[in-house]
Amino acid sequence: MRARWACPDCGLDYDTIFPGDALVAVRSFPRRYRALLTTLEQEDDPHSILRRRPEPGTWSALEYTAHLADVLDELATRIRRVVVEDHPTVHAWDPDQRAAEARYAEQNREQVLAALEAACARLAGVLDGVDPGDWNRTGTMDWGERDALTLARDAVHEGAHHLRDLERGLRAVRGRPFDEDD
């Protein structure tokens, strides 16, 4: 029996997410991220504020959004493979290496948002196409065996968690503390 898991940072409880919830969440991410990246304050310089890291080891809002587009696109591939292949082995990629290679911080805001929209549309198509009996099909990832539903929950967690990272980061680069009740 799999142990119940909730993210200690953002509080997202995996067991509360069902396939329909994952589909709704994934479809909502482009709108929610676009709102954060385009609704800036009058004194904000978008080029600077979106690329500024709140601290050296924390990605900027633009970097987190580009990362999410890549992660969701990869999760679409993983879920599809788990559903159509017989217990595939899927290897992970290094997110920091990918960020450096793709130069996340140098990308254009509209290109990053378009990539996120495309990744979410692709993932939503994959999620929508999973037959009800296939959510328990499994594959082996570098960190262990996962079923299709857990991978869909991973997608929801990535999007929700990084949305919170963006909110925190944007507040920090503006010099405002993040209030947990915001």
Foldseek 3Di string as FASTA:
>chain_A
DDDWDADPPLGRTLVVDDLVNLLVLLQCLLVLLCCLLPVDDPPDDSLDLQLDFLDDVGGGSQLLLLLLLVLLLVLLVVLLCLQPPQAAEDEDDDSVVVCVVVVSSPDDPVVSSVSSNVSSVSSSVSSVPRDPVQQQRWYAYPVGIDGSSVSSSVSSCSSSVVSVVNVQGSCSVVPHHDDPVD
